[in-house]
Amino acid sequence: MRQLAIQSRSQDPVSQSCHDEVTGLATRRHAEQLLASLLARAAEQGTKVAVVHIDIDRLKEINHSLGRSMGDACLRLVAQRVIGVIDHKGSVSRLDSDEVMAVLADVTTLETVIPIIERLLERTRQPIELSGRTLFASCCIGLALYPDHGGTVTELMRHANLARRRAQARGSMQYCVFSQDLLDDGPDRIALRCELSGALARGEMELRYRPLLCARSGQVVAVSAQPRWCSPRFGVLEAAQWLPAARENDQLCEICPWVLASACRHARSWYEAGSGLRVVVGVPAEGLVGNVLVESVRAALEESSLPAGLLEIELTEGGLMQDPDHACKVLERLKAIGVRLSIDGFGRGHSILGHLSLFPIDTLKLDALFIDDCLDNPRRQAIIRSVISMAHELGVHVAASGVCSRQQVDFLREQGCDLLQGSLWSRMEYSDPST
């Protein structure tokens, strides 16, 4: 089947209307027409068709921080990479600002598609060089197969999108194959977005605090502030369940400062009661855009009168590596204020090793991925030992997330891990609705 690749624009208005102006990819309407014809052919021949929904991570952040022209250039390069992987095996189209769809015809089994999905994840995570900058993108992918997961264009595109949302909820560079349980997977997205738009003003947000313990003494040394939405309609939702909707609503610019200010006020009350507990506040990738984070931290500390050393700002690898040079400047400004800095989910996303010595951080938090089977997996054990040794050489503490057993505690303590967090101490978590 002919590849719908990036091409020079024809002067024919009809031809132009079939292709996206930014990427040159087929438009949604044209892609739907092509998919309909492929389904009809597959029904006659008894073959399968794969619909692959691709969401490009962090494209919105690039648009916000570096401008639309840079974002469009990044999108074009990512689209070229997708086409390079799909090649002659299928077609590629643009669905939305940061969403792309690939269609693979004449598929025999699901197993033949998975290697292509894995190559897409690997190819799109490679660094992008643009205007003297090194940018990092990646993608999350949802997959639906005809006739296994639907019989019409609408069903297959919807089911691939549902699978993509599940993949995105797991983190960056993930994929998910559609299954029936996704049809009942949480509240309707549109209704959720509508309800979330006024949740903060209605006082429906609360912070839940999770303890962080010293590996050697077992004492609680810090608490991590986790925002939750207590919705009258949908129940209590953790951040992972509503964060994508908050991004779509552009609400992070109001929710993140609220979390920071509320956590600082609570920490101040603990400080006045004689506690030296630090409060840890996570910041999504969007928080590093411009100088908003620095000003929000300064304002929260001034309003609460909390000593700066009792606040720890936790960032992600993906957020830092979106624009390492800018991130380094932001971290240096935060460090000058006196707050502590940590990196969450270390080892799961884009490698930060090349920039680790440049970032003035205090703590690396190992992703739960490494802790889950560390007792039975020698490779995981080797990675944990190496990270701890490297971090200590740099004067950086190491925290482990996802700890769920005493055996894991003993192992991590033996390796020199400094801090521990996980479900083992869930009974010590508490919520503070008085925010």
Protein backbone atom coordinates (compact mmCIF):
# COMPACT_ATOMS: atom_id res chain seq x y z
CA MET A 1 0.00 0.00 0.00
CA ARG A 2 1.32 3.46 -0.83
CA GLN A 3 2.79 5.40 2.07
CA LEU A 4 1.18 8.76 2.82
CA ALA A 5 4.44 10.55 3.47
CA ILE A 6 5.51 14.15 3.89
CA GLN A 7 5.55 15.67 0.43
CA SER A 8 5.64 18.97 -1.41
CA ARG A 9 2.26 20.63 -1.51
CA SER A 10 0.43 20.45 -4.79
CA GLN A 11 -1.17 23.53 -6.25
CA ASP A 12 -4.35 21.49 -6.60
CA PRO A 13 -6.77 22.71 -3.85
CA VAL A 14 -8.32 19.24 -3.61
CA SER A 15 -4.88 17.70 -3.00
CA GLN A 16 -4.06 20.37 -0.41
CA SER A 17 -7.30 19.69 1.49
CA CYS A 18 -6.27 16.05 1.96
CA HIS A 19 -3.02 16.88 3.71
CA ASP A 20 -2.13 18.72 6.90
CA GLU A 21 -0.37 22.04 6.29
CA VAL A 22 2.23 21.61 9.04
CA THR A 23 3.32 18.01 8.54
CA GLY A 24 2.15 17.09 5.06
CA LEU A 25 0.44 14.03 6.54
CA ALA A 26 -3.04 12.99 5.50
CA THR A 27 -5.83 14.78 7.35
CA ARG A 28 -8.25 13.03 9.70
CA ARG A 29 -11.05 13.07 7.12
CA HIS A 30 -8.89 11.54 4.42
CA ALA A 31 -7.54 8.96 6.88
CA GLU A 32 -11.06 7.93 7.86
CA GLN A 33 -11.98 7.42 4.20
CA LEU A 34 -8.86 5.33 3.61
CA LEU A 35 -9.52 3.25 6.73
CA ALA A 36 -13.09 2.58 5.59
CA SER A 37 -11.85 1.19 2.28
CA LEU A 38 -9.23 -0.95 4.02
CA LEU A 39 -11.84 -2.42 6.37
CA ALA A 40 -14.07 -3.32 3.42
CA ARG A 41 -11.15 -5.06 1.71
CA ALA A 42 -10.13 -6.84 4.92
CA ALA A 43 -13.68 -8.13 5.37
CA GLU A 44 -13.58 -9.65 1.89
CA GLN A 45 -10.11 -11.19 2.29
CA GLY A 46 -10.41 -12.25 5.93
CA THR A 47 -7.38 -10.21 7.01
CA LYS A 48 -6.84 -7.81 9.90
CA VAL A 49 -6.19 -4.05 10.07
CA ALA A 50 -4.29 -2.35 12.89
CA VAL A 51 -5.18 1.19 14.00
CA VAL A 52 -2.35 2.81 15.93
CA HIS A 53 -3.10 6.02 17.88
CA ILE A 54 0.08 7.96 18.70
CA ASP A 55 0.25 10.86 21.15
CA ILE A 56 3.45 12.92 21.03
CA ASP A 57 4.55 13.72 24.58
CA ARG A 58 5.60 17.21 25.63
CA LEU A 59 4.83 18.91 22.32
CA LYS A 60 2.63 21.44 24.12
CA GLU A 61 5.47 22.27 26.48
CA ILE A 62 7.78 22.92 23.52
CA ASN A 63 5.16 25.23 22.01
CA HIS A 64 4.79 27.12 25.28
CA SER A 65 8.46 27.47 26.13
CA LEU A 66 10.10 27.78 22.70
CA GLY A 67 7.29 29.00 20.46
CA ARG A 68 4.89 27.53 17.93
CA SER A 69 7.41 27.53 15.06
CA MET A 70 9.81 25.38 17.07
CA GLY A 71 6.94 23.10 18.07
CA ASP A 72 5.87 22.71 14.43
CA ALA A 73 9.43 21.88 13.40
CA CYS A 74 9.63 19.27 16.16
CA LEU A 75 6.27 17.81 15.08
CA ARG A 76 7.47 17.51 11.48
CA LEU A 77 10.61 15.64 12.53
CA VAL A 78 8.65 13.27 14.78
CA ALA A 79 6.19 12.67 11.93
CA GLN A 80 9.10 11.80 9.65
CA ARG A 81 10.34 9.29 12.22
CA VAL A 82 6.92 7.68 12.46
CA ILE A 83 6.80 7.40 8.68
CA GLY A 84 10.29 5.91 8.66
CA VAL A 85 9.15 3.13 10.99
CA ILE A 86 5.80 2.49 9.28
CA ASP A 87 7.47 2.66 5.83
CA HIS A 88 5.55 0.76 3.11
CA LYS A 89 3.59 -1.25 5.68
CA GLY A 90 0.89 1.38 6.18
CA SER A 91 -0.22 5.01 6.15
CA VAL A 92 0.22 7.90 8.59
CA SER A 93 -2.15 10.81 9.24
CA ARG A 94 -2.48 13.70 11.68
CA LEU A 95 -5.52 13.66 13.95
CA ASP A 96 -4.96 16.62 16.25
CA SER A 97 -2.30 19.06 17.45
CA ASP A 98 -0.11 16.35 18.99
CA GLU A 99 -1.84 13.16 17.85
CA VAL A 100 -1.00 10.98 14.87
CA MET A 101 -2.63 7.79 13.55
CA ALA A 102 -0.99 4.96 11.65
CA VAL A 103 -3.00 2.28 9.86
CA LEU A 104 -1.46 -1.09 9.00
CA ALA A 105 -3.27 -3.28 6.49
CA ASP A 106 -2.98 -7.02 5.79
CA VAL A 107 -2.03 -7.80 9.38
CA THR A 108 -1.95 -11.49 10.27
CA THR A 109 -1.73 -11.43 14.08
CA LEU A 110 -1.36 -8.98 16.94
CA GLU A 111 2.15 -10.31 17.57
CA THR A 112 3.31 -9.01 14.18
CA VAL A 113 2.31 -5.46 15.12
CA ILE A 114 3.98 -5.25 18.54
CA PRO A 115 7.58 -5.04 17.16
CA ILE A 116 6.49 -2.05 15.05
CA ILE A 117 5.00 -0.37 18.13
CA GLU A 118 8.22 -0.95 20.06
CA ARG A 119 10.29 0.54 17.22
CA LEU A 120 8.01 3.60 17.20
CA LEU A 121 8.59 4.10 20.94
CA GLU A 122 12.33 3.74 20.54
CA ARG A 123 12.66 5.93 17.44
CA THR A 124 10.56 8.82 18.73
CA ARG A 125 12.53 9.05 21.98
CA GLN A 126 15.80 9.87 20.20
CA PRO A 127 17.13 13.46 20.70
CA ILE A 128 16.06 16.13 18.22
CA GLU A 129 18.51 18.85 17.16
CA LEU A 130 16.77 22.12 16.27
CA SER A 131 18.27 25.61 16.00
CA GLY A 132 21.20 24.70 18.20
CA ARG A 133 19.00 23.09 20.85
CA THR A 134 18.69 19.47 21.84
CA LEU A 135 15.04 18.57 22.42
CA PHE A 136 13.48 15.35 23.59
CA ALA A 137 10.09 14.05 22.56
CA SER A 138 8.55 10.63 22.93
CA CYS A 139 5.14 9.09 22.46
CA CYS A 140 2.42 6.97 24.01
CA ILE A 141 0.58 4.52 21.78
CA GLY A 142 -2.80 2.83 21.73
CA LEU A 143 -3.60 -0.09 19.43
CA ALA A 144 -6.90 -1.53 18.16
CA LEU A 145 -7.20 -4.40 15.70
CA TYR A 146 -9.94 -5.14 13.16
CA PRO A 147 -12.07 -7.23 13.57
CA ASP A 148 -10.96 -8.21 17.09
CA HIS A 149 -11.57 -4.81 18.68
CA GLY A 150 -14.20 -3.26 16.46
CA GLY A 151 -15.87 -3.45 13.08
CA THR A 152 -16.25 0.19 12.05
CA VAL A 153 -14.00 3.21 11.54
CA THR A 154 -15.58 4.99 14.52
CA GLU A 155 -15.22 2.01 16.86
CA LEU A 156 -11.62 1.28 15.96
CA MET A 157 -10.46 4.89 16.23
CA ARG A 158 -12.28 5.32 19.54
CA HIS A 159 -10.88 2.08 20.95
CA ALA A 160 -7.33 2.89 19.84
CA ASN A 161 -7.72 6.27 21.54
CA LEU A 162 -8.95 4.65 24.77
CA ALA A 163 -5.92 2.36 24.71
CA ARG A 164 -3.66 5.37 24.14
CA ARG A 165 -5.16 7.11 27.19
CA ARG A 166 -4.46 4.05 29.33
CA ALA A 167 -0.87 4.00 28.06
CA GLN A 168 -0.49 7.71 28.79
CA ALA A 169 -1.75 7.23 32.34
CA ARG A 170 1.11 4.79 32.92
CA GLY A 171 3.73 7.37 31.97
CA SER A 172 5.80 8.32 28.93
CA MET A 173 6.92 5.84 26.28
CA GLN A 174 4.18 3.31 27.00
CA TYR A 175 1.80 1.40 24.75
CA CYS A 176 -1.48 -0.40 25.39
CA VAL A 177 -3.60 -2.81 23.35
CA PHE A 178 -7.36 -2.27 23.54
CA SER A 179 -9.37 -4.54 25.79
CA GLN A 180 -13.04 -4.50 26.77
CA ASP A 181 -12.31 -3.32 30.30
CA LEU A 182 -11.19 0.03 28.86
CA LEU A 183 -14.80 0.79 27.97
CA ASP A 184 -15.52 1.02 31.70
CA ASP A 185 -12.16 2.53 32.60
CA GLY A 186 -13.03 5.50 34.76
CA PRO A 187 -15.38 8.42 34.12
CA ASP A 188 -16.25 9.85 30.75
CA ARG A 189 -13.42 12.16 29.67
CA ILE A 190 -15.61 15.04 28.54
CA ALA A 191 -17.72 14.95 31.72
CA LEU A 192 -14.55 14.71 33.80
CA ARG A 193 -13.07 17.79 32.15
CA CYS A 194 -16.27 19.77 32.69
CA GLU A 195 -16.46 18.85 36.37
CA LEU A 196 -12.74 19.42 36.95
CA SER A 197 -12.88 22.96 35.57
CA GLY A 198 -14.44 24.28 38.79
CA ALA A 199 -13.12 21.73 41.28
CA LEU A 200 -10.51 23.97 42.89
CA ALA A 201 -12.93 26.87 43.36
CA ARG A 202 -15.47 24.52 44.93
CA GLY A 203 -12.93 23.28 47.46
CA GLU A 204 -12.89 19.72 46.12
CA MET A 205 -9.10 19.39 46.04
CA GLU A 206 -7.14 18.03 48.99
CA LEU A 207 -3.56 17.02 49.72
CA ARG A 208 -2.65 13.53 50.89
CA TYR A 209 0.74 13.19 52.56
CA ARG A 210 2.95 10.13 52.11
CA PRO A 211 5.91 9.55 54.42
CA LEU A 212 9.54 9.36 53.33
CA LEU A 213 11.70 7.42 55.78
CA CYS A 214 15.39 7.30 56.55
CA ALA A 215 16.59 3.83 55.51
CA ARG A 216 18.99 3.53 58.45
CA SER A 217 16.93 4.83 61.35
CA GLY A 218 13.42 4.14 60.08
CA GLN A 219 12.37 7.64 61.11
CA VAL A 220 10.07 9.78 58.97
CA VAL A 221 12.16 12.67 57.64
CA ALA A 222 9.81 14.14 55.02
CA VAL A 223 6.30 13.87 53.62
CA SER A 224 5.29 14.04 49.98
CA ALA A 225 2.22 16.15 49.09
CA GLN A 226 -0.08 14.31 46.67
CA PRO A 227 -3.08 16.26 45.30
CA ARG A 228 -6.39 14.36 45.09
CA TRP A 229 -9.75 15.37 43.70
CA CYS A 230 -12.70 14.53 45.93
CA SER A 231 -15.42 14.75 43.31
CA PRO A 232 -19.07 14.45 44.39
CA ARG A 233 -19.76 12.83 41.00
CA PHE A 234 -16.73 10.60 40.40
CA GLY A 235 -15.47 9.91 43.91
CA VAL A 236 -11.90 10.31 45.14
CA LEU A 237 -9.48 10.42 42.20
CA GLU A 238 -5.68 10.29 42.45
CA ALA A 239 -3.66 12.75 40.37
CA ALA A 240 -2.90 10.21 37.62
CA GLN A 241 -6.65 9.91 36.96
CA TRP A 242 -7.34 13.60 36.43
CA LEU A 243 -3.97 15.10 35.48
CA PRO A 244 -4.45 14.55 31.71
CA ALA A 245 -7.80 16.34 31.90
CA ALA A 246 -6.18 19.19 33.85
CA ARG A 247 -3.61 19.54 31.06
CA GLU A 248 -6.35 19.66 28.45
CA ASN A 249 -8.18 22.32 30.49
CA ASP A 250 -4.96 24.33 30.98
CA GLN A 251 -5.59 24.12 34.72
CA LEU A 252 -2.10 23.18 35.85
CA CYS A 253 -1.19 26.85 36.03
CA GLU A 254 -3.70 27.24 38.91
CA ILE A 255 -3.54 23.79 40.52
CA CYS A 256 0.26 23.60 40.86
CA PRO A 257 0.63 26.94 42.74
CA TRP A 258 -2.27 25.89 44.99
CA VAL A 259 -0.53 22.62 45.84
CA LEU A 260 2.70 24.45 46.57
CA ALA A 261 1.09 27.14 48.73
CA SER A 262 -1.08 24.66 50.66
CA ALA A 263 1.83 22.30 51.33
CA CYS A 264 3.97 25.17 52.60
CA ARG A 265 1.22 26.34 54.97
CA HIS A 266 0.85 22.84 56.39
CA ALA A 267 4.60 22.44 56.75
CA ARG A 268 4.75 25.75 58.61
CA SER A 269 2.19 24.48 61.15
CA TRP A 270 4.32 21.35 61.68
CA TYR A 271 7.41 23.53 62.10
CA GLU A 272 5.68 25.66 64.72
CA ALA A 273 4.72 22.45 66.54
CA GLY A 274 8.41 21.52 66.78
CA SER A 275 8.67 19.13 63.81
CA GLY A 276 11.54 19.32 61.36
CA LEU A 277 9.74 17.44 58.59
CA ARG A 278 10.41 18.54 55.03
CA VAL A 279 7.50 18.73 52.62
CA VAL A 280 8.07 17.42 49.09
CA VAL A 281 6.06 18.96 46.24
CA GLY A 282 6.12 17.39 42.77
CA VAL A 283 6.20 19.67 39.75
CA PRO A 284 5.11 18.46 36.27
CA ALA A 285 7.07 19.27 33.14
CA GLU A 286 4.88 22.32 32.47
CA GLY A 287 6.13 23.87 35.71
CA LEU A 288 9.60 24.41 34.26
CA VAL A 289 8.33 26.68 31.47
CA GLY A 290 9.60 30.25 31.92
CA ASN A 291 10.23 31.51 35.44
CA VAL A 292 6.80 30.72 36.91
CA LEU A 293 8.10 27.98 39.23
CA VAL A 294 10.74 30.17 40.85
CA GLU A 295 8.26 32.96 41.51
CA SER A 296 5.63 30.51 42.83
CA VAL A 297 8.13 28.98 45.25
CA ARG A 298 9.26 32.37 46.48
CA ALA A 299 5.66 33.54 46.95
CA ALA A 300 4.64 30.35 48.81
CA LEU A 301 7.60 30.61 51.19
CA GLU A 302 6.95 34.28 51.89
CA GLU A 303 3.22 33.76 52.45
CA SER A 304 3.74 30.79 54.79
CA SER A 305 6.98 31.95 56.49
CA LEU A 306 8.28 28.39 56.04
CA PRO A 307 12.09 28.06 56.20
CA ALA A 308 13.25 27.34 52.66
CA GLY A 309 15.23 24.27 53.76
CA LEU A 310 11.99 22.51 54.74
CA LEU A 311 10.65 22.61 51.17
CA GLU A 312 11.77 20.11 48.55
CA ILE A 313 10.82 20.51 44.89
CA GLU A 314 10.57 17.21 43.04
CA LEU A 315 10.92 17.18 39.25
CA THR A 316 10.89 14.44 36.61
CA GLU A 317 13.59 13.34 34.19
CA GLY A 318 11.35 14.09 31.22
CA GLY A 319 10.62 17.61 32.44
CA LEU A 320 14.28 18.41 33.04
CA MET A 321 15.44 16.95 29.74
CA GLN A 322 12.88 18.85 27.70
CA ASP A 323 15.28 21.82 27.74
CA PRO A 324 18.29 20.95 29.93
CA ASP A 325 19.96 24.37 29.63
CA HIS A 326 16.86 26.22 30.78
CA ALA A 327 16.17 23.62 33.47
CA CYS A 328 19.67 24.07 34.87
CA LYS A 329 19.10 27.83 35.21
CA VAL A 330 15.77 27.27 36.95
CA LEU A 331 17.32 24.78 39.38
CA GLU A 332 20.17 27.15 40.18
CA ARG A 333 17.67 29.91 40.98
CA LEU A 334 15.69 27.54 43.20
CA LYS A 335 18.88 26.43 44.93
CA ALA A 336 19.76 30.07 45.59
CA ILE A 337 16.44 30.45 47.43
CA GLY A 338 17.49 27.57 49.70
CA VAL A 339 15.01 24.83 48.82
CA ARG A 340 16.03 21.21 48.29
CA LEU A 341 15.74 19.59 44.86
CA SER A 342 15.04 15.99 43.84
CA ILE A 343 14.40 13.99 40.67
CA ASP A 344 11.51 11.53 40.67
CA GLY A 345 11.21 8.36 38.58
CA PHE A 346 14.94 8.18 37.90
CA GLY A 347 15.76 5.59 35.22
CA ARG A 348 12.29 5.33 33.67
CA GLY A 349 12.30 8.13 31.13
CA HIS A 350 14.93 9.93 29.10
CA SER A 351 18.44 9.37 30.41
CA ILE A 352 19.61 12.28 32.50
CA LEU A 353 23.08 10.88 33.20
CA GLY A 354 24.84 13.26 30.81
CA HIS A 355 23.45 16.28 32.68
CA LEU A 356 23.39 14.91 36.22
CA SER A 357 26.58 16.62 37.28
CA LEU A 358 25.22 19.97 36.02
CA PHE A 359 21.96 19.94 37.97
CA PRO A 360 22.26 21.13 41.60
CA ILE A 361 20.03 18.40 43.00
CA ASP A 362 19.97 16.85 46.47
CA THR A 363 18.13 13.56 45.88
CA LEU A 364 17.53 10.98 43.15
CA LYS A 365 14.41 8.88 43.59
CA LEU A 366 14.68 5.47 41.93
CA ASP A 367 11.56 4.56 39.98
CA ALA A 368 9.38 1.79 41.44
CA LEU A 369 10.12 -0.17 38.27
CA PHE A 370 13.55 -1.05 39.69
CA ILE A 371 12.27 -1.89 43.17
CA ASP A 372 9.39 -4.16 42.16
CA ASP A 373 11.44 -7.31 41.53
CA CYS A 374 14.80 -6.30 42.96
CA LEU A 375 14.97 -9.33 45.27
CA ASP A 376 14.85 -11.83 42.40
CA ASN A 377 16.43 -9.91 39.53
CA PRO A 378 20.26 -9.67 39.55
CA ARG A 379 20.20 -7.07 36.78
CA ARG A 380 17.92 -4.82 38.79
CA GLN A 381 20.21 -5.27 41.78
CA ALA A 382 23.24 -4.27 39.71
CA ILE A 383 21.48 -1.11 38.48
CA ILE A 384 20.44 -0.15 42.01
CA ARG A 385 23.97 -0.62 43.35
CA SER A 386 25.44 1.37 40.47
CA VAL A 387 23.02 4.27 40.84
CA ILE A 388 23.58 4.50 44.60
CA SER A 389 27.35 4.42 44.19
CA MET A 390 27.31 7.04 41.43
CA ALA A 391 24.93 9.33 43.31
CA HIS A 392 26.98 9.17 46.50
CA GLU A 393 30.12 10.04 44.53
CA LEU A 394 28.27 13.18 43.39
CA GLY A 395 27.13 13.97 46.93
CA VAL A 396 23.50 13.13 46.08
CA HIS A 397 21.14 11.11 48.28
CA VAL A 398 19.16 8.19 46.81
CA ALA A 399 15.51 7.48 47.59
CA ALA A 400 13.59 4.37 46.55
CA SER A 401 9.90 4.54 45.67
CA GLY A 402 7.45 1.65 45.49
CA VAL A 403 8.82 -0.20 48.54
CA CYS A 404 6.25 -2.78 49.64
CA SER A 405 8.05 -5.38 51.78
CA ARG A 406 10.48 -5.63 54.70
CA GLN A 407 12.78 -7.76 52.54
CA GLN A 408 13.08 -4.89 50.07
CA VAL A 409 13.85 -2.53 52.95
CA ASP A 410 16.67 -4.80 54.15
CA PHE A 411 18.15 -5.10 50.65
CA LEU A 412 18.01 -1.37 49.94
CA ARG A 413 19.51 -0.54 53.32
CA GLU A 414 22.38 -2.95 52.66
CA GLN A 415 23.08 -1.23 49.33
CA GLY A 416 23.33 2.16 51.03
CA CYS A 417 20.00 3.60 49.92
CA ASP A 418 19.24 6.72 51.97
CA LEU A 419 15.45 7.15 51.84
CA LEU A 420 12.44 4.87 51.38
CA GLN A 421 8.84 5.40 50.30
CA GLY A 422 6.02 3.06 49.33
CA SER A 423 2.89 1.14 50.21
CA LEU A 424 4.61 -0.55 53.17
CA TRP A 425 3.89 2.62 55.13
CA SER A 426 0.45 3.38 53.67
CA ARG A 427 -1.10 3.28 57.16
CA MET A 428 0.95 6.39 57.96
CA GLU A 429 -0.54 8.41 55.10
CA TYR A 430 -3.11 11.05 55.94
CA SER A 431 -5.18 13.66 54.16
CA ASP A 432 -5.58 17.27 55.12
CA PRO A 433 -8.85 18.62 53.69
CA SER A 434 -8.37 21.98 55.37
CA THR A 435 -6.65 23.39 52.32
